[in-house]
Each structure stands twice: as C-alpha cells, then as structure tokens.
Amino acid sequence: VEKVNCVIETGITVSEEANSQLEGPLTIQELQTALQGMQGRRAPGIDGLSVEFYKAYWDVLSHDLLDVFNESLASGSMPVSRRRA
C-alpha cells in the first residue's frame, strides 16, 4: 500500500494516448510476450496444460486465447474454468 501511495503522491500521469493503449484490448503481441516470459518445467495449470504446450501450439491457440482474455477484461470476469489458481 505504501508503494501505491508513493506513486499516487508523485502526481505523475500518463498521456491520453498511453491511457487509451493501457485500457484497450490486449494484442496478440502482448499475449505472446507474456507467454514467452513464463518459465517452463512447472506444474500444469488447472486446465492440465503446461506452458510448454501453449508455446508449442501458439499458432493454433493464439486467437482463441486472445478472445478469452479480452472478453474477460471487458466483462470483468474470467470463465469458470480459469478462476482457480
């Protein structure tokens, strides 16, 4: 909380253009960058699929994953199948 307050107190703001980009839908590039930054050789997620699976089948899955994440951001709710940690 202290760190958040510190940022707020600085009075630094982002431009309208930057704000629009931050509030806009995710892009394929942003999603791919996030996936590439994830470490492999970990236990699979609740869906039973590993990071390596998503990376290997990125070309097949990317647009559907993008749709799921953007719909979740727009609605403010993740699908039931993705809600567990």
PDB file of N, CA and C in Angstrom:
ATOM      1  N   VAL A   1       0.831  -1.187   0.000  1.00  0.00           N
ATOM      2  CA  VAL A   1       0.000   0.000   0.000  1.00  0.00           C
ATOM      3  C   VAL A   1       0.877   1.253   0.000  1.00  0.00           C
ATOM      4  N   GLU A   2       1.965   1.222   0.750  1.00  0.00           N
ATOM      5  CA  GLU A   2       2.848   2.387   0.797  1.00  0.00           C
ATOM      6  C   GLU A   2       3.411   2.721  -0.574  1.00  0.00           C
ATOM      7  N   LYS A   3       3.773   1.685  -1.340  1.00  0.00           N
ATOM      8  CA  LYS A   3       4.330   1.915  -2.670  1.00  0.00           C
ATOM      9  C   LYS A   3       3.292   2.532  -3.594  1.00  0.00           C
ATOM     10  N   VAL A   4       2.054   2.070  -3.488  1.00  0.00           N
ATOM     11  CA  VAL A   4       0.981   2.630  -4.314  1.00  0.00           C
ATOM     12  C   VAL A   4       0.766   4.085  -3.945  1.00  0.00           C
ATOM     13  N   ASN A   5       0.707   4.371  -2.666  1.00  0.00           N
ATOM     14  CA  ASN A   5       0.528   5.762  -2.224  1.00  0.00           C
ATOM     15  C   ASN A   5       1.672   6.639  -2.705  1.00  0.00           C
ATOM     16  N   CYS A   6       2.879   6.108  -2.685  1.00  0.00           N
ATOM     17  CA  CYS A   6       4.040   6.865  -3.145  1.00  0.00           C
ATOM     18  C   CYS A   6       3.886   7.244  -4.612  1.00  0.00           C
ATOM     19  N   VAL A   7       3.430   6.308  -5.417  1.00  0.00           N
ATOM     20  CA  VAL A   7       3.230   6.583  -6.845  1.00  0.00           C
ATOM     21  C   VAL A   7       2.130   7.613  -7.034  1.00  0.00           C
ATOM     22  N   ILE A   8       1.063   7.472  -6.287  1.00  0.00           N
ATOM     23  CA  ILE A   8      -0.052   8.417  -6.398  1.00  0.00           C
ATOM     24  C   ILE A   8       0.382   9.816  -6.001  1.00  0.00           C
ATOM     25  N   GLU A   9       1.170   9.914  -4.934  1.00  0.00           N
ATOM     26  CA  GLU A   9       1.594  11.207  -4.418  1.00  0.00           C
ATOM     27  C   GLU A   9       2.568  11.948  -5.335  1.00  0.00           C
ATOM     28  N   THR A  10       3.225  11.241  -6.244  1.00  0.00           N
ATOM     29  CA  THR A  10       4.174  11.909  -7.132  1.00  0.00           C
ATOM     30  C   THR A  10       3.472  12.796  -8.134  1.00  0.00           C
ATOM     31  N   GLY A  11       2.198  12.528  -8.394  1.00  0.00           N
ATOM     32  CA  GLY A  11       1.448  13.337  -9.333  1.00  0.00           C
ATOM     33  C   GLY A  11       1.762  13.042 -10.794  1.00  0.00           C
ATOM     34  N   ILE A  12       2.504  11.988 -11.032  1.00  0.00           N
ATOM     35  CA  ILE A  12       2.850  11.615 -12.401  1.00  0.00           C
ATOM     36  C   ILE A  12       1.607  11.037 -13.077  1.00  0.00           C
ATOM     37  N   THR A  13       1.351  11.475 -14.275  1.00  0.00           N
ATOM     38  CA  THR A  13       0.209  10.969 -15.032  1.00  0.00           C
ATOM     39  C   THR A  13       0.683  10.454 -16.386  1.00  0.00           C
ATOM     40  N   VAL A  14      -0.163   9.696 -17.025  1.00  0.00           N
ATOM     41  CA  VAL A  14       0.136   9.215 -18.376  1.00  0.00           C
ATOM     42  C   VAL A  14      -0.663  10.041 -19.367  1.00  0.00           C
ATOM     43  N   SER A  15      -0.173  10.086 -20.590  1.00  0.00           N
ATOM     44  CA  SER A  15      -0.865  10.843 -21.627  1.00  0.00           C
ATOM     45  C   SER A  15      -2.179  10.151 -21.979  1.00  0.00           C
ATOM     46  N   GLU A  16      -3.048  10.886 -22.643  1.00  0.00           N
ATOM     47  CA  GLU A  16      -4.320  10.313 -23.094  1.00  0.00           C
ATOM     48  C   GLU A  16      -4.077   9.129 -24.030  1.00  0.00           C
ATOM     49  N   GLU A  17      -3.070   9.256 -24.890  1.00  0.00           N
ATOM     50  CA  GLU A  17      -2.738   8.178 -25.825  1.00  0.00           C
ATOM     51  C   GLU A  17      -2.290   6.924 -25.070  1.00  0.00           C
ATOM     52  N   ALA A  18      -1.401   7.107 -24.100  1.00  0.00           N
ATOM     53  CA  ALA A  18      -0.924   5.973 -23.305  1.00  0.00           C
ATOM     54  C   ALA A  18      -2.078   5.357 -22.522  1.00  0.00           C
ATOM     55  N   ASN A  19      -2.943   6.203 -21.978  1.00  0.00           N
ATOM     56  CA  ASN A  19      -4.093   5.714 -21.228  1.00  0.00           C
ATOM     57  C   ASN A  19      -5.007   4.877 -22.125  1.00  0.00           C
ATOM     58  N   SER A  20      -5.226   5.319 -23.342  1.00  0.00           N
ATOM     59  CA  SER A  20      -6.058   4.570 -24.286  1.00  0.00           C
ATOM     60  C   SER A  20      -5.449   3.205 -24.587  1.00  0.00           C
ATOM     61  N   GLN A  21      -4.126   3.171 -24.743  1.00  0.00           N
ATOM     62  CA  GLN A  21      -3.452   1.897 -25.000  1.00  0.00           C
ATOM     63  C   GLN A  21      -3.560   0.972 -23.799  1.00  0.00           C
ATOM     64  N   LEU A  22      -3.402   1.517 -22.605  1.00  0.00           N
ATOM     65  CA  LEU A  22      -3.467   0.702 -21.399  1.00  0.00           C
ATOM     66  C   LEU A  22      -4.864   0.150 -21.152  1.00  0.00           C
ATOM     67  N   GLU A  23      -5.879   0.922 -21.503  1.00  0.00           N
ATOM     68  CA  GLU A  23      -7.250   0.498 -21.277  1.00  0.00           C
ATOM     69  C   GLU A  23      -7.815  -0.307 -22.440  1.00  0.00           C
ATOM     70  N   GLY A  24      -7.107  -0.347 -23.545  1.00  0.00           N
ATOM     71  CA  GLY A  24      -7.594  -1.062 -24.718  1.00  0.00           C
ATOM     72  C   GLY A  24      -7.450  -2.567 -24.580  1.00  0.00           C
ATOM     73  N   PRO A  25      -7.944  -3.285 -25.554  1.00  0.00           N
ATOM     74  CA  PRO A  25      -7.828  -4.749 -25.512  1.00  0.00           C
ATOM     75  C   PRO A  25      -6.377  -5.190 -25.659  1.00  0.00           C
ATOM     76  N   LEU A  26      -6.109  -6.386 -25.164  1.00  0.00           N
ATOM     77  CA  LEU A  26      -4.787  -6.983 -25.337  1.00  0.00           C
ATOM     78  C   LEU A  26      -4.540  -7.242 -26.814  1.00  0.00           C
ATOM     79  N   THR A  27      -3.288  -7.248 -27.186  1.00  0.00           N
ATOM     80  CA  THR A  27      -2.921  -7.602 -28.557  1.00  0.00           C
ATOM     81  C   THR A  27      -2.266  -8.973 -28.555  1.00  0.00           C
ATOM     82  N   ILE A  28      -2.201  -9.565 -29.728  1.00  0.00           N
ATOM     83  CA  ILE A  28      -1.512 -10.853 -29.876  1.00  0.00           C
ATOM     84  C   ILE A  28      -0.071 -10.723 -29.391  1.00  0.00           C
ATOM     85  N   GLN A  29       0.585  -9.631 -29.736  1.00  0.00           N
ATOM     86  CA  GLN A  29       1.986  -9.428 -29.339  1.00  0.00           C
ATOM     87  C   GLN A  29       2.134  -9.370 -27.821  1.00  0.00           C
ATOM     88  N   GLU A  30       1.238  -8.650 -27.153  1.00  0.00           N
ATOM     89  CA  GLU A  30       1.303  -8.565 -25.687  1.00  0.00           C
ATOM     90  C   GLU A  30       1.109  -9.933 -25.043  1.00  0.00           C
ATOM     91  N   LEU A  31       0.153 -10.685 -25.559  1.00  0.00           N
ATOM     92  CA  LEU A  31      -0.115 -12.019 -25.017  1.00  0.00           C
ATOM     93  C   LEU A  31       1.069 -12.947 -25.268  1.00  0.00           C
ATOM     94  N   GLN A  32       1.645 -12.882 -26.448  1.00  0.00           N
ATOM     95  CA  GLN A  32       2.793 -13.716 -26.778  1.00  0.00           C
ATOM     96  C   GLN A  32       4.003 -13.340 -25.910  1.00  0.00           C
ATOM     97  N   THR A  33       4.215 -12.069 -25.693  1.00  0.00           N
ATOM     98  CA  THR A  33       5.316 -11.625 -24.842  1.00  0.00           C
ATOM     99  C   THR A  33       5.143 -12.156 -23.416  1.00  0.00           C
ATOM    100  N   ALA A  34       3.925 -12.098 -22.909  1.00  0.00           N
ATOM    101  CA  ALA A  34       3.653 -12.624 -21.566  1.00  0.00           C
ATOM    102  C   ALA A  34       3.921 -14.124 -21.511  1.00  0.00           C
ATOM    103  N   LEU A  35       3.467 -14.854 -22.522  1.00  0.00           N
ATOM    104  CA  LEU A  35       3.682 -16.301 -22.556  1.00  0.00           C
ATOM    105  C   LEU A  35       5.164 -16.631 -22.646  1.00  0.00           C
ATOM    106  N   GLN A  36       5.889 -15.921 -23.485  1.00  0.00           N
ATOM    107  CA  GLN A  36       7.319 -16.190 -23.646  1.00  0.00           C
ATOM    108  C   GLN A  36       8.088 -15.887 -22.359  1.00  0.00           C
ATOM    109  N   GLY A  37       7.568 -14.987 -21.544  1.00  0.00           N
ATOM    110  CA  GLY A  37       8.216 -14.653 -20.283  1.00  0.00           C
ATOM    111  C   GLY A  37       7.954 -15.651 -19.166  1.00  0.00           C
ATOM    112  N   MET A  38       7.040 -16.585 -19.407  1.00  0.00           N
ATOM    113  CA  MET A  38       6.722 -17.573 -18.380  1.00  0.00           C
ATOM    114  C   MET A  38       7.753 -18.696 -18.377  1.00  0.00           C
ATOM    115  N   GLN A  39       8.087 -19.148 -17.190  1.00  0.00           N
ATOM    116  CA  GLN A  39       9.055 -20.229 -17.058  1.00  0.00           C
ATOM    117  C   GLN A  39       8.382 -21.565 -17.351  1.00  0.00           C
ATOM    118  N   GLY A  40       9.104 -22.420 -18.035  1.00  0.00           N
ATOM    119  CA  GLY A  40       8.621 -23.756 -18.309  1.00  0.00           C
ATOM    120  C   GLY A  40       8.997 -24.712 -17.188  1.00  0.00           C
ATOM    121  N   ARG A  41       8.753 -25.954 -17.440  1.00  0.00           N
ATOM    122  CA  ARG A  41       9.081 -27.024 -16.480  1.00  0.00           C
ATOM    123  C   ARG A  41       8.443 -26.803 -15.122  1.00  0.00           C
ATOM    124  N   ARG A  42       7.227 -26.334 -15.149  1.00  0.00           N
ATOM    125  CA  ARG A  42       6.436 -26.141 -13.935  1.00  0.00           C
ATOM    126  C   ARG A  42       5.220 -27.056 -14.016  1.00  0.00           C
ATOM    127  N   ALA A  43       4.544 -27.193 -12.910  1.00  0.00           N
ATOM    128  CA  ALA A  43       3.318 -27.988 -12.896  1.00  0.00           C
ATOM    129  C   ALA A  43       2.300 -27.347 -13.835  1.00  0.00           C
ATOM    130  N   PRO A  44       1.520 -28.154 -14.523  1.00  0.00           N
ATOM    131  CA  PRO A  44       0.491 -27.595 -15.411  1.00  0.00           C
ATOM    132  C   PRO A  44      -0.554 -26.827 -14.612  1.00  0.00           C
ATOM    133  N   GLY A  45      -1.255 -25.969 -15.309  1.00  0.00           N
ATOM    134  CA  GLY A  45      -2.316 -25.190 -14.674  1.00  0.00           C
ATOM    135  C   GLY A  45      -3.546 -26.043 -14.418  1.00  0.00           C
ATOM    136  N   ILE A  46      -4.604 -25.398 -13.951  1.00  0.00           N
ATOM    137  CA  ILE A  46      -5.847 -26.092 -13.625  1.00  0.00           C
ATOM    138  C   ILE A  46      -6.415 -26.827 -14.835  1.00  0.00           C
ATOM    139  N   ASP A  47      -6.083 -26.332 -16.030  1.00  0.00           N
ATOM    140  CA  ASP A  47      -6.569 -26.979 -17.251  1.00  0.00           C
ATOM    141  C   ASP A  47      -5.734 -28.208 -17.624  1.00  0.00           C
ATOM    142  N   GLY A  48      -4.666 -28.468 -16.851  1.00  0.00           N
ATOM    143  CA  GLY A  48      -3.815 -29.620 -17.115  1.00  0.00           C
ATOM    144  C   GLY A  48      -2.793 -29.391 -18.210  1.00  0.00           C
ATOM    145  N   LEU A  49      -2.727 -28.164 -18.730  1.00  0.00           N
ATOM    146  CA  LEU A  49      -1.821 -27.856 -19.826  1.00  0.00           C
ATOM    147  C   LEU A  49      -0.637 -27.033 -19.328  1.00  0.00           C
ATOM    148  N   SER A  50       0.537 -27.374 -19.796  1.00  0.00           N
ATOM    149  CA  SER A  50       1.755 -26.703 -19.364  1.00  0.00           C
ATOM    150  C   SER A  50       2.058 -25.478 -20.224  1.00  0.00           C
ATOM    151  N   VAL A  51       2.975 -24.670 -19.734  1.00  0.00           N
ATOM    152  CA  VAL A  51       3.445 -23.516 -20.502  1.00  0.00           C
ATOM    153  C   VAL A  51       4.027 -23.996 -21.826  1.00  0.00           C
ATOM    154  N   GLU A  52       4.756 -25.106 -21.776  1.00  0.00           N
ATOM    155  CA  GLU A  52       5.358 -25.649 -22.998  1.00  0.00           C
ATOM    156  C   GLU A  52       4.286 -25.981 -24.042  1.00  0.00           C
ATOM    157  N   PHE A  53       3.129 -26.487 -23.580  1.00  0.00           N
ATOM    158  CA  PHE A  53       2.031 -26.790 -24.504  1.00  0.00           C
ATOM    159  C   PHE A  53       1.562 -25.523 -25.207  1.00  0.00           C
ATOM    160  N   TYR A  54       1.313 -24.470 -24.421  1.00  0.00           N
ATOM    161  CA  TYR A  54       0.840 -23.217 -25.013  1.00  0.00           C
ATOM    162  C   TYR A  54       1.867 -22.633 -25.978  1.00  0.00           C
ATOM    163  N   LYS A  55       3.138 -22.752 -25.623  1.00  0.00           N
ATOM    164  CA  LYS A  55       4.186 -22.252 -26.518  1.00  0.00           C
ATOM    165  C   LYS A  55       4.260 -23.081 -27.797  1.00  0.00           C
ATOM    166  N   ALA A  56       4.153 -24.408 -27.672  1.00  0.00           N
ATOM    167  CA  ALA A  56       4.255 -25.289 -28.844  1.00  0.00           C
ATOM    168  C   ALA A  56       3.081 -25.102 -29.806  1.00  0.00           C
ATOM    169  N   TYR A  57       1.903 -24.825 -29.263  1.00  0.00           N
ATOM    170  CA  TYR A  57       0.710 -24.710 -30.104  1.00  0.00           C
ATOM    171  C   TYR A  57       0.198 -23.272 -30.213  1.00  0.00           C
ATOM    172  N   TRP A  58       1.116 -22.322 -30.013  1.00  0.00           N
ATOM    173  CA  TRP A  58       0.763 -20.909 -30.057  1.00  0.00           C
ATOM    174  C   TRP A  58       0.039 -20.534 -31.347  1.00  0.00           C
ATOM    175  N   ASP A  59       0.531 -21.012 -32.472  1.00  0.00           N
ATOM    176  CA  ASP A  59      -0.077 -20.641 -33.761  1.00  0.00           C
ATOM    177  C   ASP A  59      -1.524 -21.099 -33.859  1.00  0.00           C
ATOM    178  N   VAL A  60      -1.857 -22.190 -33.216  1.00  0.00           N
ATOM    179  CA  VAL A  60      -3.213 -22.724 -33.253  1.00  0.00           C
ATOM    180  C   VAL A  60      -4.104 -22.047 -32.208  1.00  0.00           C
ATOM    181  N   LEU A  61      -3.545 -21.777 -31.031  1.00  0.00           N
ATOM    182  CA  LEU A  61      -4.330 -21.304 -29.893  1.00  0.00           C
ATOM    183  C   LEU A  61      -4.404 -19.791 -29.729  1.00  0.00           C
ATOM    184  N   SER A  62      -3.492 -19.064 -30.334  1.00  0.00           N
ATOM    185  CA  SER A  62      -3.318 -17.645 -30.012  1.00  0.00           C
ATOM    186  C   SER A  62      -4.595 -16.806 -30.146  1.00  0.00           C
ATOM    187  N   HIS A  63      -5.315 -16.950 -31.209  1.00  0.00           N
ATOM    188  CA  HIS A  63      -6.502 -16.101 -31.417  1.00  0.00           C
ATOM    189  C   HIS A  63      -7.618 -16.443 -30.438  1.00  0.00           C
ATOM    190  N   ASP A  64      -7.789 -17.731 -30.152  1.00  0.00           N
ATOM    191  CA  ASP A  64      -8.808 -18.120 -29.171  1.00  0.00           C
ATOM    192  C   ASP A  64      -8.435 -17.640 -27.768  1.00  0.00           C
ATOM    193  N   LEU A  65      -7.164 -17.763 -27.403  1.00  0.00           N
ATOM    194  CA  LEU A  65      -6.720 -17.267 -26.098  1.00  0.00           C
ATOM    195  C   LEU A  65      -6.906 -15.763 -25.996  1.00  0.00           C
ATOM    196  N   LEU A  66      -6.563 -15.060 -27.052  1.00  0.00           N
ATOM    197  CA  LEU A  66      -6.734 -13.612 -27.066  1.00  0.00           C
ATOM    198  C   LEU A  66      -8.202 -13.246 -26.866  1.00  0.00           C
ATOM    199  N   ASP A  67      -9.090 -13.955 -27.540  1.00  0.00           N
ATOM    200  CA  ASP A  67     -10.527 -13.700 -27.382  1.00  0.00           C
ATOM    201  C   ASP A  67     -10.974 -13.923 -25.936  1.00  0.00           C
ATOM    202  N   VAL A  68     -10.521 -15.011 -25.323  1.00  0.00           N
ATOM    203  CA  VAL A  68     -10.910 -15.321 -23.939  1.00  0.00           C
ATOM    204  C   VAL A  68     -10.436 -14.224 -22.991  1.00  0.00           C
ATOM    205  N   PHE A  69      -9.169 -13.830 -23.119  1.00  0.00           N
ATOM    206  CA  PHE A  69      -8.648 -12.803 -22.216  1.00  0.00           C
ATOM    207  C   PHE A  69      -9.315 -11.453 -22.450  1.00  0.00           C
ATOM    208  N   ASN A  70      -9.542 -11.082 -23.698  1.00  0.00           N
ATOM    209  CA  ASN A  70     -10.190  -9.791 -23.962  1.00  0.00           C
ATOM    210  C   ASN A  70     -11.644  -9.785 -23.520  1.00  0.00           C
ATOM    211  N   GLU A  71     -12.347 -10.897 -23.688  1.00  0.00           N
ATOM    212  CA  GLU A  71     -13.726 -10.977 -23.191  1.00  0.00           C
ATOM    213  C   GLU A  71     -13.748 -10.889 -21.665  1.00  0.00           C
ATOM    214  N   SER A  72     -12.760 -11.506 -21.029  1.00  0.00           N
ATOM    215  CA  SER A  72     -12.667 -11.450 -19.567  1.00  0.00           C
ATOM    216  C   SER A  72     -12.400 -10.028 -19.090  1.00  0.00           C
ATOM    217  N   LEU A  73     -11.500  -9.333 -19.769  1.00  0.00           N
ATOM    218  CA  LEU A  73     -11.217  -7.946 -19.399  1.00  0.00           C
ATOM    219  C   LEU A  73     -12.444  -7.066 -19.592  1.00  0.00           C
ATOM    220  N   ALA A  74     -13.165  -7.280 -20.674  1.00  0.00           N
ATOM    221  CA  ALA A  74     -14.343  -6.461 -20.971  1.00  0.00           C
ATOM    222  C   ALA A  74     -15.472  -6.719 -19.971  1.00  0.00           C
ATOM    223  N   SER A  75     -15.645  -7.984 -19.580  1.00  0.00           N
ATOM    224  CA  SER A  75     -16.739  -8.332 -18.680  1.00  0.00           C
ATOM    225  C   SER A  75     -16.361  -8.211 -17.210  1.00  0.00           C
ATOM    226  N   GLY A  76     -15.058  -8.205 -16.935  1.00  0.00           N
ATOM    227  CA  GLY A  76     -14.594  -8.150 -15.551  1.00  0.00           C
ATOM    228  C   GLY A  76     -14.650  -9.485 -14.849  1.00  0.00           C
ATOM    229  N   SER A  77     -14.778 -10.564 -15.617  1.00  0.00           N
ATOM    230  CA  SER A  77     -14.892 -11.895 -15.023  1.00  0.00           C
ATOM    231  C   SER A  77     -14.223 -12.930 -15.918  1.00  0.00           C
ATOM    232  N   MET A  78     -13.453 -13.809 -15.287  1.00  0.00           N
ATOM    233  CA  MET A  78     -12.827 -14.914 -16.026  1.00  0.00           C
ATOM    234  C   MET A  78     -13.825 -16.055 -16.160  1.00  0.00           C
ATOM    235  N   PRO A  79     -13.690 -16.870 -17.211  1.00  0.00           N
ATOM    236  CA  PRO A  79     -14.542 -18.054 -17.313  1.00  0.00           C
ATOM    237  C   PRO A  79     -14.342 -18.952 -16.089  1.00  0.00           C
ATOM    238  N   VAL A  80     -15.361 -19.672 -15.706  1.00  0.00           N
ATOM    239  CA  VAL A  80     -15.299 -20.537 -14.527  1.00  0.00           C
ATOM    240  C   VAL A  80     -14.093 -21.465 -14.599  1.00  0.00           C
ATOM    241  N   SER A  81     -13.786 -21.981 -15.765  1.00  0.00           N
ATOM    242  CA  SER A  81     -12.678 -22.924 -15.922  1.00  0.00           C
ATOM    243  C   SER A  81     -11.314 -22.286 -15.656  1.00  0.00           C
ATOM    244  N   ARG A  82     -11.219 -20.966 -15.630  1.00  0.00           N
ATOM    245  CA  ARG A  82      -9.945 -20.275 -15.429  1.00  0.00           C
ATOM    246  C   ARG A  82      -9.848 -19.585 -14.068  1.00  0.00           C
ATOM    247  N   ARG A  83     -10.838 -19.733 -13.222  1.00  0.00           N
ATOM    248  CA  ARG A  83     -10.870 -18.979 -11.967  1.00  0.00           C
ATOM    249  C   ARG A  83     -10.009 -19.548 -10.854  1.00  0.00           C
ATOM    250  N   ARG A  84      -9.610 -20.773 -10.935  1.00  0.00           N
ATOM    251  CA  ARG A  84      -8.787 -21.357  -9.873  1.00  0.00           C
ATOM    252  C   ARG A  84      -7.332 -21.009 -10.083  1.00  0.00           C
ATOM    253  N   ALA A  85      -6.612 -20.895  -8.981  1.00  0.00           N
ATOM    254  CA  ALA A  85      -5.172 -20.604  -9.064  1.00  0.00           C
ATOM    255  C   ALA A  85      -4.398 -21.877  -9.303  1.00  0.00           C
TER     256      ALA A  85
END
